Structures are given as C-alpha cells and as structure tokens.
Amino acid sequence: MSNRFRVAVVQNCAEREMAPSIAAIEPLIRAAAKDGADLIQLPEMATMIEPDNAAVLRKTVTEAEDPGLAAFRRLASELGRWIHVGSLLIKEKGASRVANRAFVIDPEGRITARYDKIHLFDVAIKDGHAYKESATVAPGDKAVLAALPWGQMGLSICYDLRFAALFRALAQGGAAYLGIPAAFTYTTGLAHWHVLVRARAIETGSYVFAATQSGIHAEGRRTFGHSLIVSPWGEVLADAGDKVGYAMAEIDPAKVEEARQMIPALRHDRPFQAPERLVPFAAAGE
C-alpha cells in the first residue's frame, strides 16, 4: 500500500427519474474533487429510487444505455478521480429482474470492478413501510474485491451490512477497505446504522466508506443519511449528517495493519460444531 489519500462519501436524495438525480449528483462530485478527494463514493441506487415495482422494471436500462453510468465515467475521466458508484439498477437482456450493481471507475473512466448485491431487503418495518427488493432485483452470488492504488476494497451494498461473514471473507481475502454504500431507511438507520458500520470496521480492522441517501423520496419514503467514514479502530472520522452534500477524511493505509497487529482476530478463526436444534419442552399435560 502506498501513501495517504482522501475519500469523499457523497450524500444525495435520489428522485424517481434519473435525469434530475444525475444533475444533482454531478456538482457534488465536482465539489468533492475540487476539495481534494482521490476516491469519491456515491450511495446505493444513486440515480433513481422508484417505489413502484412495475416502474422499476420499465425504467431500468442496460449498462450500455444507462445515463448515470455514462455520466460518472465521463466525470472520472475529466476530473482524474476514482469513483465508486454505490449502485445502479441495471437491466440484463432476457432477465425478468434487474441487478442492483456497484461499479468502480478509474481516473481514465474505465470500469475496473462490478458487484451485484447479494442480500436483498425483504422486510416489513413498524413505520408502516414494507420492502420486497427481490420482487424486482435478482441477487448476486459473488464477493468482489476492487483493486485501488492504495490497496484492495471489498464491495457490498446496504442490506449486506447485516451479514458479517461477507465482510470477514472480504478482509481475509485481502481487503483493507470496505465499501458499504446504502439507502438505509430512516427507522432502521436511526436504530442501527452507526453501530453496524462501526462493527464491520472493528471486526475486520478495516476502513469503512459508507455513502448513503438522505431525505424524503417518492411516496414519502425517507432515508437516514449520515454517510460515514470509519477507521479500522472504529472511530468515526467523518459523518455527513442529514443534509445533501458530502463528507471527507484522510485515509492512512498504515492504520489497517496497525489495528490488525493489535487485535489479529482475522487470524484466529477456529472450527466449531454448530448447535443442534433443540425441541422446546412441552407444557405440563400436553
């Protein structure tokens, strides 16, 4: 790993149409680049949050046709920066569902890594909202490392955050950094976001970059915000709050090895037998 670098996590409020969302993100990317960011990360579903399932399938296009991907590749090349597109919804020819796909773009505008979200958000929350991501999105099945000039970054998307085994595998596979872009709901974010992001950093001794959406979206759906950059020791280095914008921090690659030397948990796995499923005691008289 080479010298220190600067990361910006961009926080936007995507609309249900791509064009205005892209137009709103572009000046944030430019501002982050002007502010010295070497790597700029965007949230999950950066260019469209569409709550209607039929509309999702109708509006989504292929990689070759996607205007957001084209815009971000152009900006990476123009600004000479790495851009991690947290995710876009991408249509695959012949498929009945779309991919929720992350992209890593190098300073020449080339796509160097892709990752399809593995764990899909099928939940019902007490705030009255229910989500069934699997109705429109086909899950991925492959963990992905992206090569950066400063080391490897493990890729993930939003709900993946709750599955610690994925991040352990990424770190043990060579990741010094974990990308966890998201569109966390307000209710779950308020309860769990900071705790889970810090936990993934602490468990693996990795930096975490976690850009997320923030604001009120179509049909009243609300995302939590608080895009984070967290150190390998679990310190919050940057928190974007709840407004559209970005947060930035300087990253020292040496801190990864320092944390992993102090607590070498990634080398301490031991085999164990899974517990047997127990039959509950029957109540008296049954």
Protein backbone atom coordinates (compact mmCIF):
# COMPACT_ATOMS: atom_id res chain seq x y z
CA MET A 1 0.00 0.00 0.00
CA SER A 2 1.17 3.49 -0.84
CA ASN A 3 0.73 6.88 0.78
CA ARG A 4 -2.27 8.53 2.36
CA PHE A 5 -5.28 9.51 0.27
CA ARG A 6 -8.59 11.34 0.67
CA VAL A 7 -12.05 9.82 0.40
CA ALA A 8 -15.36 11.62 -0.03
CA VAL A 9 -18.73 9.99 0.62
CA VAL A 10 -21.44 11.76 -1.35
CA GLN A 11 -24.93 12.04 0.15
CA ASN A 12 -27.83 12.72 -2.20
CA CYS A 13 -31.62 12.34 -2.27
CA ALA A 14 -32.42 10.44 -5.46
CA GLU A 15 -35.66 11.10 -7.29
CA ARG A 16 -37.76 8.58 -9.18
CA GLU A 17 -36.39 9.84 -12.51
CA MET A 18 -32.73 9.51 -13.46
CA ALA A 19 -32.10 12.85 -15.18
CA PRO A 20 -32.73 15.16 -12.19
CA SER A 21 -30.89 12.79 -9.87
CA ILE A 22 -27.81 12.80 -12.11
CA ALA A 23 -27.98 16.57 -12.44
CA ALA A 24 -27.99 16.91 -8.64
CA ILE A 25 -25.09 14.50 -8.07
CA GLU A 26 -22.69 15.97 -10.65
CA PRO A 27 -21.94 19.22 -8.75
CA LEU A 28 -21.35 17.20 -5.57
CA ILE A 29 -18.78 15.05 -7.36
CA ARG A 30 -17.10 18.14 -8.78
CA ALA A 31 -17.01 19.83 -5.38
CA ALA A 32 -15.52 16.75 -3.72
CA ALA A 33 -12.84 16.51 -6.42
CA LYS A 34 -12.02 20.22 -6.04
CA ASP A 35 -11.77 19.65 -2.27
CA GLY A 36 -9.05 17.07 -2.87
CA ALA A 37 -10.86 13.72 -2.87
CA ASP A 38 -8.92 10.93 -4.58
CA LEU A 39 -11.79 8.43 -4.26
CA ILE A 40 -15.42 9.59 -4.44
CA GLN A 41 -18.13 7.16 -3.36
CA LEU A 42 -21.82 7.50 -4.26
CA PRO A 43 -24.75 5.86 -2.43
CA GLU A 44 -26.82 2.84 -3.39
CA MET A 45 -29.35 3.48 -6.20
CA ALA A 46 -27.62 6.79 -6.76
CA THR A 47 -29.71 7.89 -9.73
CA MET A 48 -33.19 6.50 -9.03
CA ILE A 49 -35.32 5.49 -6.07
CA GLU A 50 -38.59 4.28 -7.57
CA PRO A 51 -41.05 2.70 -5.11
CA ASP A 52 -43.30 1.22 -7.80
CA ASN A 53 -42.05 -2.22 -8.84
CA ALA A 54 -43.54 -2.12 -12.33
CA ALA A 55 -41.98 1.29 -12.93
CA VAL A 56 -38.57 -0.01 -11.79
CA LEU A 57 -38.65 -2.71 -14.44
CA ARG A 58 -39.89 -0.26 -17.07
CA LYS A 59 -37.33 2.47 -16.37
CA THR A 60 -34.21 0.36 -15.87
CA VAL A 61 -31.85 0.06 -18.85
CA THR A 62 -28.71 -1.87 -19.72
CA GLU A 63 -25.20 -0.77 -18.76
CA ALA A 64 -24.61 0.46 -22.30
CA GLU A 65 -27.72 2.64 -22.15
CA ASP A 66 -27.56 3.84 -18.54
CA PRO A 67 -27.15 7.64 -18.43
CA GLY A 68 -25.82 7.68 -14.87
CA LEU A 69 -23.04 5.21 -15.61
CA ALA A 70 -22.07 7.21 -18.70
CA ALA A 71 -22.03 10.47 -16.71
CA PHE A 72 -19.93 9.04 -13.89
CA ARG A 73 -17.41 7.51 -16.29
CA ARG A 74 -17.11 10.87 -18.03
CA LEU A 75 -16.62 12.70 -14.73
CA ALA A 76 -13.99 10.22 -13.51
CA SER A 77 -12.01 10.78 -16.69
CA GLU A 78 -12.46 14.56 -16.73
CA LEU A 79 -11.59 15.03 -13.04
CA GLY A 80 -8.93 12.31 -12.87
CA ARG A 81 -10.54 10.68 -9.84
CA TRP A 82 -11.64 7.21 -8.79
CA ILE A 83 -15.43 6.97 -8.47
CA HIS A 84 -17.19 4.15 -6.64
CA VAL A 85 -20.79 4.18 -7.82
CA GLY A 86 -22.60 2.67 -4.83
CA SER A 87 -25.13 1.07 -7.11
CA LEU A 88 -27.36 1.48 -10.12
CA LEU A 89 -30.29 -0.68 -11.16
CA ILE A 90 -29.21 -2.43 -14.36
CA LYS A 91 -31.25 -4.46 -16.83
CA GLU A 92 -29.82 -7.71 -18.16
CA LYS A 93 -31.08 -8.88 -21.54
CA GLY A 94 -33.54 -11.73 -21.20
CA ALA A 95 -33.79 -11.46 -17.41
CA SER A 96 -37.11 -10.90 -15.63
CA ARG A 97 -35.43 -8.97 -12.77
CA VAL A 98 -32.71 -6.32 -12.66
CA ALA A 99 -29.32 -6.23 -10.94
CA ASN A 100 -28.53 -3.85 -8.08
CA ARG A 101 -24.94 -3.29 -9.23
CA ALA A 102 -21.97 -1.33 -7.91
CA PHE A 103 -19.23 -0.03 -10.20
CA VAL A 104 -15.66 1.07 -9.53
CA ILE A 105 -14.40 3.51 -12.17
CA ASP A 106 -10.75 4.51 -12.56
CA PRO A 107 -9.42 8.02 -13.39
CA GLU A 108 -9.49 7.20 -17.10
CA GLY A 109 -13.20 6.37 -16.98
CA ARG A 110 -12.77 2.59 -17.20
CA ILE A 111 -14.92 0.20 -15.17
CA THR A 112 -12.48 -1.88 -13.11
CA ALA A 113 -14.92 -3.79 -10.87
CA ARG A 114 -18.61 -4.70 -10.66
CA TYR A 115 -20.54 -6.15 -7.75
CA ASP A 116 -24.17 -7.35 -7.66
CA LYS A 117 -25.88 -7.06 -4.28
CA ILE A 118 -26.09 -10.46 -2.61
CA HIS A 119 -28.53 -9.90 0.27
CA LEU A 120 -31.90 -8.40 -0.72
CA PHE A 121 -34.02 -6.18 1.51
CA ASP A 122 -37.30 -8.06 2.03
CA VAL A 123 -38.61 -6.64 5.31
CA ALA A 124 -41.64 -5.06 6.97
CA ILE A 125 -40.93 -2.19 9.38
CA LYS A 126 -43.17 -0.86 12.14
CA ASP A 127 -43.20 2.58 10.49
CA GLY A 128 -45.74 1.12 8.05
CA HIS A 129 -43.40 0.58 5.13
CA ALA A 130 -42.76 -2.83 3.62
CA TYR A 131 -39.96 -3.55 1.17
CA LYS A 132 -39.55 -6.55 -1.13
CA GLU A 133 -36.41 -5.93 -3.13
CA SER A 134 -36.45 -9.48 -4.50
CA ALA A 135 -39.61 -8.63 -6.47
CA THR A 136 -37.51 -6.61 -8.90
CA VAL A 137 -33.86 -7.47 -8.15
CA ALA A 138 -32.03 -10.73 -8.77
CA PRO A 139 -29.40 -11.43 -6.08
CA GLY A 140 -25.72 -11.68 -6.84
CA ASP A 141 -23.68 -14.65 -5.65
CA LYS A 142 -20.06 -13.49 -5.73
CA ALA A 143 -17.96 -11.47 -3.28
CA VAL A 144 -15.80 -8.91 -5.09
CA LEU A 145 -12.53 -7.11 -4.35
CA ALA A 146 -11.66 -3.93 -6.25
CA ALA A 147 -8.01 -3.02 -6.76
CA LEU A 148 -7.19 0.60 -5.88
CA PRO A 149 -3.78 2.31 -5.88
CA TRP A 150 -3.82 2.17 -2.07
CA GLY A 151 -4.87 -1.47 -1.62
CA GLN A 152 -7.98 -3.57 -2.14
CA MET A 153 -11.55 -2.53 -1.35
CA GLY A 154 -14.24 -5.10 -0.62
CA LEU A 155 -17.57 -4.26 -2.22
CA SER A 156 -21.03 -4.54 -0.68
CA ILE A 157 -24.38 -2.76 -0.81
CA CYS A 158 -26.71 -1.65 2.01
CA TYR A 159 -28.52 -4.71 3.47
CA ASP A 160 -25.29 -6.69 3.05
CA LEU A 161 -24.14 -4.68 6.09
CA ARG A 162 -26.08 -7.04 8.38
CA PHE A 163 -24.20 -10.16 7.21
CA ALA A 164 -20.85 -10.03 8.98
CA ALA A 165 -19.50 -13.18 7.33
CA LEU A 166 -19.31 -11.39 3.98
CA PHE A 167 -17.01 -8.69 5.37
CA ARG A 168 -14.83 -11.19 7.19
CA ALA A 169 -14.38 -13.04 3.91
CA LEU A 170 -13.51 -9.81 2.10
CA ALA A 171 -10.95 -8.79 4.75
CA GLN A 172 -9.40 -12.26 4.88
CA GLY A 173 -9.27 -12.15 1.07
CA GLY A 174 -7.14 -9.01 1.16
CA ALA A 175 -9.46 -6.02 1.61
CA ALA A 176 -8.04 -3.11 3.61
CA TYR A 177 -11.13 -1.01 2.89
CA LEU A 178 -14.82 -1.91 2.87
CA GLY A 179 -17.25 -0.05 0.66
CA ILE A 180 -20.76 -0.10 2.15
CA PRO A 181 -22.88 2.36 0.12
CA ALA A 182 -26.53 2.36 1.14
CA ALA A 183 -30.01 3.82 1.07
CA PHE A 184 -30.85 2.96 4.69
CA THR A 185 -34.40 3.70 5.80
CA TYR A 186 -34.80 6.37 8.45
CA THR A 187 -36.24 3.94 11.02
CA THR A 188 -33.54 1.28 10.67
CA GLY A 189 -30.82 3.87 10.24
CA LEU A 190 -31.71 5.66 13.45
CA ALA A 191 -31.51 2.39 15.36
CA HIS A 192 -28.69 0.51 13.65
CA TRP A 193 -26.61 2.43 11.08
CA HIS A 194 -23.74 3.80 13.17
CA VAL A 195 -23.47 0.64 15.28
CA LEU A 196 -23.33 -1.74 12.32
CA VAL A 197 -20.90 0.34 10.25
CA ARG A 198 -18.52 0.70 13.18
CA ALA A 199 -18.85 -3.00 13.97
CA ARG A 200 -17.81 -4.03 10.47
CA ALA A 201 -14.72 -1.80 10.77
CA ILE A 202 -13.80 -3.11 14.22
CA GLU A 203 -14.37 -6.78 13.41
CA THR A 204 -12.10 -6.68 10.38
CA GLY A 205 -9.62 -3.91 11.21
CA SER A 206 -10.65 -2.14 8.00
CA TYR A 207 -11.56 1.36 6.94
CA VAL A 208 -15.23 1.61 6.02
CA PHE A 209 -16.55 4.05 3.42
CA ALA A 210 -20.35 4.25 3.64
CA ALA A 211 -22.11 6.81 1.45
CA THR A 212 -25.88 6.79 1.85
CA GLN A 213 -29.02 8.55 0.70
CA SER A 214 -30.72 11.17 2.87
CA GLY A 215 -34.11 12.81 2.65
CA ILE A 216 -37.72 12.30 1.58
CA HIS A 217 -38.15 10.33 -1.63
CA ALA A 218 -41.15 9.50 -3.81
CA GLU A 219 -44.29 8.40 -1.94
CA GLY A 220 -42.89 9.58 1.37
CA ARG A 221 -40.07 7.06 1.76
CA ARG A 222 -37.36 8.52 3.94
CA THR A 223 -33.67 7.65 4.11
CA PHE A 224 -31.47 8.24 7.13
CA GLY A 225 -28.33 9.93 5.82
CA HIS A 226 -25.21 10.15 8.00
CA SER A 227 -22.78 8.92 5.37
CA LEU A 228 -19.76 7.69 7.31
CA ILE A 229 -16.03 7.14 7.07
CA VAL A 230 -14.81 4.91 9.90
CA SER A 231 -11.26 3.96 10.87
CA PRO A 232 -10.00 0.38 11.44
CA TRP A 233 -10.23 1.09 15.19
CA GLY A 234 -13.90 2.01 14.87
CA GLU A 235 -13.50 5.79 15.11
CA VAL A 236 -15.96 7.89 13.10
CA LEU A 237 -13.68 10.11 11.01
CA ALA A 238 -16.49 11.82 9.08
CA ASP A 239 -20.28 11.98 9.35
CA ALA A 240 -22.28 13.85 6.70
CA GLY A 241 -25.29 14.45 8.94
CA ASP A 242 -28.72 14.55 7.31
CA LYS A 243 -28.23 17.14 4.55
CA VAL A 244 -27.35 16.64 0.89
CA GLY A 245 -23.61 17.10 0.41
CA TYR A 246 -20.52 15.05 1.18
CA ALA A 247 -18.13 14.21 3.99
CA MET A 248 -14.40 13.67 3.61
CA ALA A 249 -11.49 12.20 5.55
CA GLU A 250 -7.83 11.44 5.02
CA ILE A 251 -7.03 7.73 4.96
CA ASP A 252 -3.75 6.33 6.29
CA PRO A 253 -3.28 2.77 4.93
CA ALA A 254 -0.77 2.01 7.71
CA LYS A 255 -3.61 2.17 10.24
CA VAL A 256 -5.06 -1.05 8.84
CA GLU A 257 -2.01 -3.14 9.65
CA GLU A 258 -1.64 -1.35 12.98
CA ALA A 259 -5.18 -2.34 14.04
CA ARG A 260 -4.78 -5.90 12.77
CA GLN A 261 -1.50 -6.35 14.61
CA MET A 262 -3.01 -5.16 17.89
CA ILE A 263 -6.06 -7.40 17.53
CA PRO A 264 -5.25 -10.14 14.97
CA ALA A 265 -8.77 -11.61 15.04
CA LEU A 266 -8.72 -12.30 11.29
CA ARG A 267 -6.10 -14.98 12.01
CA HIS A 268 -7.88 -16.52 14.99
CA ASP A 269 -10.76 -18.42 13.38
CA ARG A 270 -11.27 -21.89 14.82
CA PRO A 271 -13.57 -24.66 13.65
CA PHE A 272 -16.55 -25.38 15.83
CA GLN A 273 -19.61 -27.58 15.77
CA ALA A 274 -22.88 -25.81 15.09
CA PRO A 275 -25.50 -26.15 17.83
CA GLU A 276 -28.20 -28.77 17.49
CA ARG A 277 -31.72 -27.51 17.10
CA LEU A 278 -33.47 -28.18 20.41
CA VAL A 279 -37.11 -29.25 20.72
CA PRO A 280 -38.96 -26.94 23.15
CA PHE A 281 -40.20 -28.52 26.36
CA ALA A 282 -43.86 -29.41 26.17
CA ALA A 283 -46.10 -27.73 28.70
CA ALA A 284 -47.43 -29.90 31.51
CA GLY A 285 -50.35 -32.01 30.41
CA GLU A 286 -49.51 -31.80 26.70
